[in-house]
């Protein structure tokens, strides 16, 4: 028997061979993955994308003015977060009227987890509030009076069992 007489892959139809199917499968799988990614990009919202950059830039300048005022007033506080209770004590620059304060928690990646606490002053001069939100992870926390004249903000990892020094940066 001569080697050219034996049946080879050249005699079988193309659809029964491995390599044509392999070559078809590579672009087909990339098309399927790209269609799935395109669907995800269209149907899901991205909280990290800002649509109006000009307005966002103007807001940033306003925030910087509020932080500078807090530095000028030398406002420093100590923040304690124990479970669902929050206690804030002024070390310097306490508001004279004892008005309520707004403590905002902004999750660094998920805007749906953001929440706000209203802190009221007790007889000892400690501002207290409570929350029912799970605050685990990295958060940007900001403190402002109700009239929002000044602002203190800090990025922190929570939960944190010790006292947090909370002052203008």
C-alpha atoms as a PDB file:
ATOM      1  CA  UNK A   1       0.000   0.000   0.000  1.00  0.00           C
ATOM      2  CA  UNK A   2       1.347   3.371  -0.958  1.00  0.00           C
ATOM      3  CA  UNK A   3       1.092   6.377   1.471  1.00  0.00           C
ATOM      4  CA  UNK A   4      -0.875   8.346  -1.066  1.00  0.00           C
ATOM      5  CA  UNK A   5      -3.532   5.634  -1.183  1.00  0.00           C
ATOM      6  CA  UNK A   6      -4.544   6.016   2.497  1.00  0.00           C
ATOM      7  CA  UNK A   7      -7.500   8.264   3.358  1.00  0.00           C
ATOM      8  CA  UNK A   8      -6.386  11.723   4.615  1.00  0.00           C
ATOM      9  CA  UNK A   9      -7.996  14.882   5.917  1.00  0.00           C
ATOM     10  CA  UNK A  10      -7.993  16.240   2.393  1.00  0.00           C
ATOM     11  CA  UNK A  11     -10.671  13.730   1.438  1.00  0.00           C
ATOM     12  CA  UNK A  12     -13.066  14.585   4.303  1.00  0.00           C
ATOM     13  CA  UNK A  13     -15.503  17.492   3.933  1.00  0.00           C
ATOM     14  CA  UNK A  14     -14.539  20.778   5.613  1.00  0.00           C
ATOM     15  CA  UNK A  15     -17.342  20.681   8.185  1.00  0.00           C
ATOM     16  CA  UNK A  16     -15.991  17.410   9.610  1.00  0.00           C
ATOM     17  CA  UNK A  17     -12.535  18.841  10.242  1.00  0.00           C
ATOM     18  CA  UNK A  18     -11.381  20.522  13.464  1.00  0.00           C
ATOM     19  CA  UNK A  19      -9.539  23.629  12.229  1.00  0.00           C
ATOM     20  CA  UNK A  20     -12.338  25.355  10.299  1.00  0.00           C
ATOM     21  CA  UNK A  21     -14.611  25.141  13.357  1.00  0.00           C
ATOM     22  CA  UNK A  22     -11.838  26.416  15.594  1.00  0.00           C
ATOM     23  CA  UNK A  23     -11.233  29.390  13.292  1.00  0.00           C
ATOM     24  CA  UNK A  24     -14.968  30.138  13.203  1.00  0.00           C
ATOM     25  CA  UNK A  25     -15.294  29.846  17.001  1.00  0.00           C
ATOM     26  CA  UNK A  26     -12.689  32.521  17.831  1.00  0.00           C
ATOM     27  CA  UNK A  27     -14.428  35.506  16.145  1.00  0.00           C
ATOM     28  CA  UNK A  28     -17.864  34.166  17.093  1.00  0.00           C
ATOM     29  CA  UNK A  29     -16.968  34.081  20.802  1.00  0.00           C
ATOM     30  CA  UNK A  30     -15.488  37.584  20.663  1.00  0.00           C
ATOM     31  CA  UNK A  31     -18.703  38.848  19.041  1.00  0.00           C
ATOM     32  CA  UNK A  32     -20.807  37.263  21.797  1.00  0.00           C
ATOM     33  CA  UNK A  33     -18.644  38.822  24.548  1.00  0.00           C
ATOM     34  CA  UNK A  34     -18.673  42.243  22.886  1.00  0.00           C
ATOM     35  CA  UNK A  35     -22.472  42.169  22.525  1.00  0.00           C
ATOM     36  CA  UNK A  36     -22.801  41.324  26.229  1.00  0.00           C
ATOM     37  CA  UNK A  37     -20.464  44.189  27.187  1.00  0.00           C
ATOM     38  CA  UNK A  38     -22.360  46.586  24.912  1.00  0.00           C
ATOM     39  CA  UNK A  39     -25.643  45.555  26.560  1.00  0.00           C
ATOM     40  CA  UNK A  40     -24.150  46.142  30.039  1.00  0.00           C
ATOM     41  CA  UNK A  41     -22.800  49.544  29.001  1.00  0.00           C
ATOM     42  CA  UNK A  42     -26.203  50.655  27.725  1.00  0.00           C
ATOM     43  CA  UNK A  43     -28.434  49.229  30.467  1.00  0.00           C
ATOM     44  CA  UNK A  44     -26.435  50.061  33.622  1.00  0.00           C
ATOM     45  CA  UNK A  45     -25.690  53.476  35.109  1.00  0.00           C
ATOM     46  CA  UNK A  46     -22.207  54.494  36.115  1.00  0.00           C
ATOM     47  CA  UNK A  47     -22.245  56.684  39.223  1.00  0.00           C
ATOM     48  CA  UNK A  48     -18.650  57.751  38.669  1.00  0.00           C
ATOM     49  CA  UNK A  49     -19.380  59.534  35.368  1.00  0.00           C
ATOM     50  CA  UNK A  50     -20.292  63.217  35.581  1.00  0.00           C
ATOM     51  CA  UNK A  51     -22.321  64.653  32.712  1.00  0.00           C
ATOM     52  CA  UNK A  52     -21.839  68.361  33.313  1.00  0.00           C
ATOM     53  CA  UNK A  53     -18.177  69.043  33.964  1.00  0.00           C
ATOM     54  CA  UNK A  54     -18.474  72.841  34.020  1.00  0.00           C
ATOM     55  CA  UNK A  55     -21.105  72.863  36.768  1.00  0.00           C
ATOM     56  CA  UNK A  56     -19.142  70.250  38.712  1.00  0.00           C
ATOM     57  CA  UNK A  57     -16.026  72.447  38.496  1.00  0.00           C
ATOM     58  CA  UNK A  58     -17.898  75.467  39.864  1.00  0.00           C
ATOM     59  CA  UNK A  59     -19.253  73.374  42.737  1.00  0.00           C
ATOM     60  CA  UNK A  60     -15.714  72.237  43.579  1.00  0.00           C
ATOM     61  CA  UNK A  61     -14.589  75.877  43.871  1.00  0.00           C
ATOM     62  CA  UNK A  62     -17.502  76.598  46.224  1.00  0.00           C
ATOM     63  CA  UNK A  63     -16.572  73.593  48.360  1.00  0.00           C
ATOM     64  CA  UNK A  64     -12.978  74.827  48.594  1.00  0.00           C
ATOM     65  CA  UNK A  65     -14.194  78.198  49.892  1.00  0.00           C
ATOM     66  CA  UNK A  66     -16.175  76.439  52.628  1.00  0.00           C
ATOM     67  CA  UNK A  67     -13.155  74.348  53.626  1.00  0.00           C
ATOM     68  CA  UNK A  68     -10.974  77.473  53.762  1.00  0.00           C
ATOM     69  CA  UNK A  69     -13.516  79.147  56.064  1.00  0.00           C
ATOM     70  CA  UNK A  70     -13.400  76.111  58.379  1.00  0.00           C
ATOM     71  CA  UNK A  71      -9.606  76.439  58.462  1.00  0.00           C
ATOM     72  CA  UNK A  72      -9.887  80.158  59.229  1.00  0.00           C
ATOM     73  CA  UNK A  73     -12.330  79.466  62.084  1.00  0.00           C
ATOM     74  CA  UNK A  74      -9.932  76.737  63.348  1.00  0.00           C
ATOM     75  CA  UNK A  75     -12.696  74.150  63.598  1.00  0.00           C
ATOM     76  CA  UNK A  76     -11.450  70.803  64.902  1.00  0.00           C
ATOM     77  CA  UNK A  77     -13.594  67.946  66.154  1.00  0.00           C
ATOM     78  CA  UNK A  78     -13.381  64.415  67.484  1.00  0.00           C
ATOM     79  CA  UNK A  79     -15.723  61.885  65.919  1.00  0.00           C
ATOM     80  CA  UNK A  80     -16.769  58.591  67.521  1.00  0.00           C
ATOM     81  CA  UNK A  81     -18.807  56.031  65.599  1.00  0.00           C
ATOM     82  CA  UNK A  82     -19.932  53.124  67.791  1.00  0.00           C
ATOM     83  CA  UNK A  83     -22.388  50.762  66.156  1.00  0.00           C
ATOM     84  CA  UNK A  84     -25.375  52.842  65.109  1.00  0.00           C
ATOM     85  CA  UNK A  85     -24.577  55.911  67.253  1.00  0.00           C
ATOM     86  CA  UNK A  86     -22.402  58.877  66.308  1.00  0.00           C
ATOM     87  CA  UNK A  87     -20.919  61.385  68.762  1.00  0.00           C
ATOM     88  CA  UNK A  88     -19.038  64.514  67.729  1.00  0.00           C
ATOM     89  CA  UNK A  89     -17.186  66.818  70.118  1.00  0.00           C
ATOM     90  CA  UNK A  90     -15.689  70.172  69.144  1.00  0.00           C
ATOM     91  CA  UNK A  91     -12.076  70.658  70.219  1.00  0.00           C
ATOM     92  CA  UNK A  92     -12.050  74.238  68.904  1.00  0.00           C
ATOM     93  CA  UNK A  93     -14.241  76.520  66.824  1.00  0.00           C
ATOM     94  CA  UNK A  94     -17.582  75.264  68.171  1.00  0.00           C
ATOM     95  CA  UNK A  95     -20.696  77.033  66.865  1.00  0.00           C
ATOM     96  CA  UNK A  96     -21.890  79.550  69.437  1.00  0.00           C
ATOM     97  CA  UNK A  97     -25.602  78.997  68.887  1.00  0.00           C
ATOM     98  CA  UNK A  98     -25.373  75.221  69.245  1.00  0.00           C
ATOM     99  CA  UNK A  99     -27.259  74.716  66.003  1.00  0.00           C
ATOM    100  CA  UNK A 100     -27.683  71.248  64.564  1.00  0.00           C
ATOM    101  CA  UNK A 101     -25.034  69.866  62.235  1.00  0.00           C
ATOM    102  CA  UNK A 102     -25.272  67.783  59.099  1.00  0.00           C
ATOM    103  CA  UNK A 103     -22.929  64.785  58.803  1.00  0.00           C
ATOM    104  CA  UNK A 104     -22.927  63.304  55.301  1.00  0.00           C
ATOM    105  CA  UNK A 105     -21.533  59.899  54.441  1.00  0.00           C
ATOM    106  CA  UNK A 106     -20.613  59.443  50.775  1.00  0.00           C
ATOM    107  CA  UNK A 107     -19.570  55.990  49.637  1.00  0.00           C
ATOM    108  CA  UNK A 108     -16.588  56.336  47.320  1.00  0.00           C
ATOM    109  CA  UNK A 109     -18.026  54.154  44.531  1.00  0.00           C
ATOM    110  CA  UNK A 110     -21.727  53.474  45.162  1.00  0.00           C
ATOM    111  CA  UNK A 111     -23.899  56.597  45.301  1.00  0.00           C
ATOM    112  CA  UNK A 112     -26.947  54.568  46.374  1.00  0.00           C
ATOM    113  CA  UNK A 113     -25.273  53.937  49.762  1.00  0.00           C
ATOM    114  CA  UNK A 114     -24.869  57.670  50.569  1.00  0.00           C
ATOM    115  CA  UNK A 115     -26.777  58.944  53.595  1.00  0.00           C
ATOM    116  CA  UNK A 116     -27.034  61.961  55.874  1.00  0.00           C
ATOM    117  CA  UNK A 117     -27.242  62.302  59.659  1.00  0.00           C
ATOM    118  CA  UNK A 118     -28.590  65.240  61.610  1.00  0.00           C
ATOM    119  CA  UNK A 119     -26.521  65.767  64.757  1.00  0.00           C
ATOM    120  CA  UNK A 120     -28.087  67.680  67.637  1.00  0.00           C
ATOM    121  CA  UNK A 121     -26.286  69.041  70.679  1.00  0.00           C
ATOM    122  CA  UNK A 122     -26.978  67.587  74.110  1.00  0.00           C
ATOM    123  CA  UNK A 123     -26.556  69.309  77.497  1.00  0.00           C
ATOM    124  CA  UNK A 124     -22.877  68.318  77.676  1.00  0.00           C
ATOM    125  CA  UNK A 125     -22.135  69.997  74.332  1.00  0.00           C
ATOM    126  CA  UNK A 126     -21.708  66.723  72.445  1.00  0.00           C
ATOM    127  CA  UNK A 127     -23.431  66.444  69.083  1.00  0.00           C
ATOM    128  CA  UNK A 128     -25.190  63.096  68.722  1.00  0.00           C
ATOM    129  CA  UNK A 129     -27.056  61.188  66.060  1.00  0.00           C
ATOM    130  CA  UNK A 130     -27.922  57.641  65.086  1.00  0.00           C
ATOM    131  CA  UNK A 131     -28.136  55.702  61.847  1.00  0.00           C
ATOM    132  CA  UNK A 132     -29.409  52.362  60.619  1.00  0.00           C
ATOM    133  CA  UNK A 133     -27.032  51.996  57.683  1.00  0.00           C
ATOM    134  CA  UNK A 134     -24.181  49.513  57.420  1.00  0.00           C
ATOM    135  CA  UNK A 135     -21.085  51.714  57.156  1.00  0.00           C
ATOM    136  CA  UNK A 136     -18.345  49.266  56.264  1.00  0.00           C
ATOM    137  CA  UNK A 137     -15.709  50.263  53.732  1.00  0.00           C
ATOM    138  CA  UNK A 138     -14.199  53.481  52.423  1.00  0.00           C
ATOM    139  CA  UNK A 139     -16.309  56.617  52.935  1.00  0.00           C
ATOM    140  CA  UNK A 140     -15.932  60.333  52.367  1.00  0.00           C
ATOM    141  CA  UNK A 141     -17.468  62.029  55.408  1.00  0.00           C
ATOM    142  CA  UNK A 142     -18.328  65.731  55.487  1.00  0.00           C
ATOM    143  CA  UNK A 143     -19.547  67.918  58.344  1.00  0.00           C
ATOM    144  CA  UNK A 144     -21.441  71.167  57.746  1.00  0.00           C
ATOM    145  CA  UNK A 145     -23.768  73.371  59.775  1.00  0.00           C
ATOM    146  CA  UNK A 146     -27.344  73.610  58.513  1.00  0.00           C
ATOM    147  CA  UNK A 147     -26.610  76.955  56.828  1.00  0.00           C
ATOM    148  CA  UNK A 148     -23.583  75.318  55.100  1.00  0.00           C
ATOM    149  CA  UNK A 149     -21.222  78.231  55.756  1.00  0.00           C
ATOM    150  CA  UNK A 150     -18.210  75.999  56.388  1.00  0.00           C
ATOM    151  CA  UNK A 151     -17.303  72.398  55.680  1.00  0.00           C
ATOM    152  CA  UNK A 152     -14.959  69.747  57.052  1.00  0.00           C
ATOM    153  CA  UNK A 153     -14.421  66.565  55.084  1.00  0.00           C
ATOM    154  CA  UNK A 154     -12.271  63.489  55.405  1.00  0.00           C
ATOM    155  CA  UNK A 155     -11.942  60.147  53.656  1.00  0.00           C
ATOM    156  CA  UNK A 156     -11.870  57.230  56.080  1.00  0.00           C
ATOM    157  CA  UNK A 157     -12.188  53.480  56.318  1.00  0.00           C
ATOM    158  CA  UNK A 158     -15.032  52.411  58.583  1.00  0.00           C
ATOM    159  CA  UNK A 159     -15.738  50.869  61.031  1.00  0.00           C
ATOM    160  CA  UNK A 160     -13.084  52.515  63.183  1.00  0.00           C
ATOM    161  CA  UNK A 161     -13.191  51.850  66.914  1.00  0.00           C
ATOM    162  CA  UNK A 162     -11.037  54.781  68.109  1.00  0.00           C
ATOM    163  CA  UNK A 163     -11.751  58.497  68.076  1.00  0.00           C
ATOM    164  CA  UNK A 164     -11.353  60.050  64.634  1.00  0.00           C
ATOM    165  CA  UNK A 165      -9.673  63.452  64.462  1.00  0.00           C
ATOM    166  CA  UNK A 166     -11.934  65.406  62.133  1.00  0.00           C
ATOM    167  CA  UNK A 167     -10.497  68.736  60.985  1.00  0.00           C
ATOM    168  CA  UNK A 168     -10.133  70.787  57.783  1.00  0.00           C
ATOM    169  CA  UNK A 169      -7.564  69.359  55.394  1.00  0.00           C
END
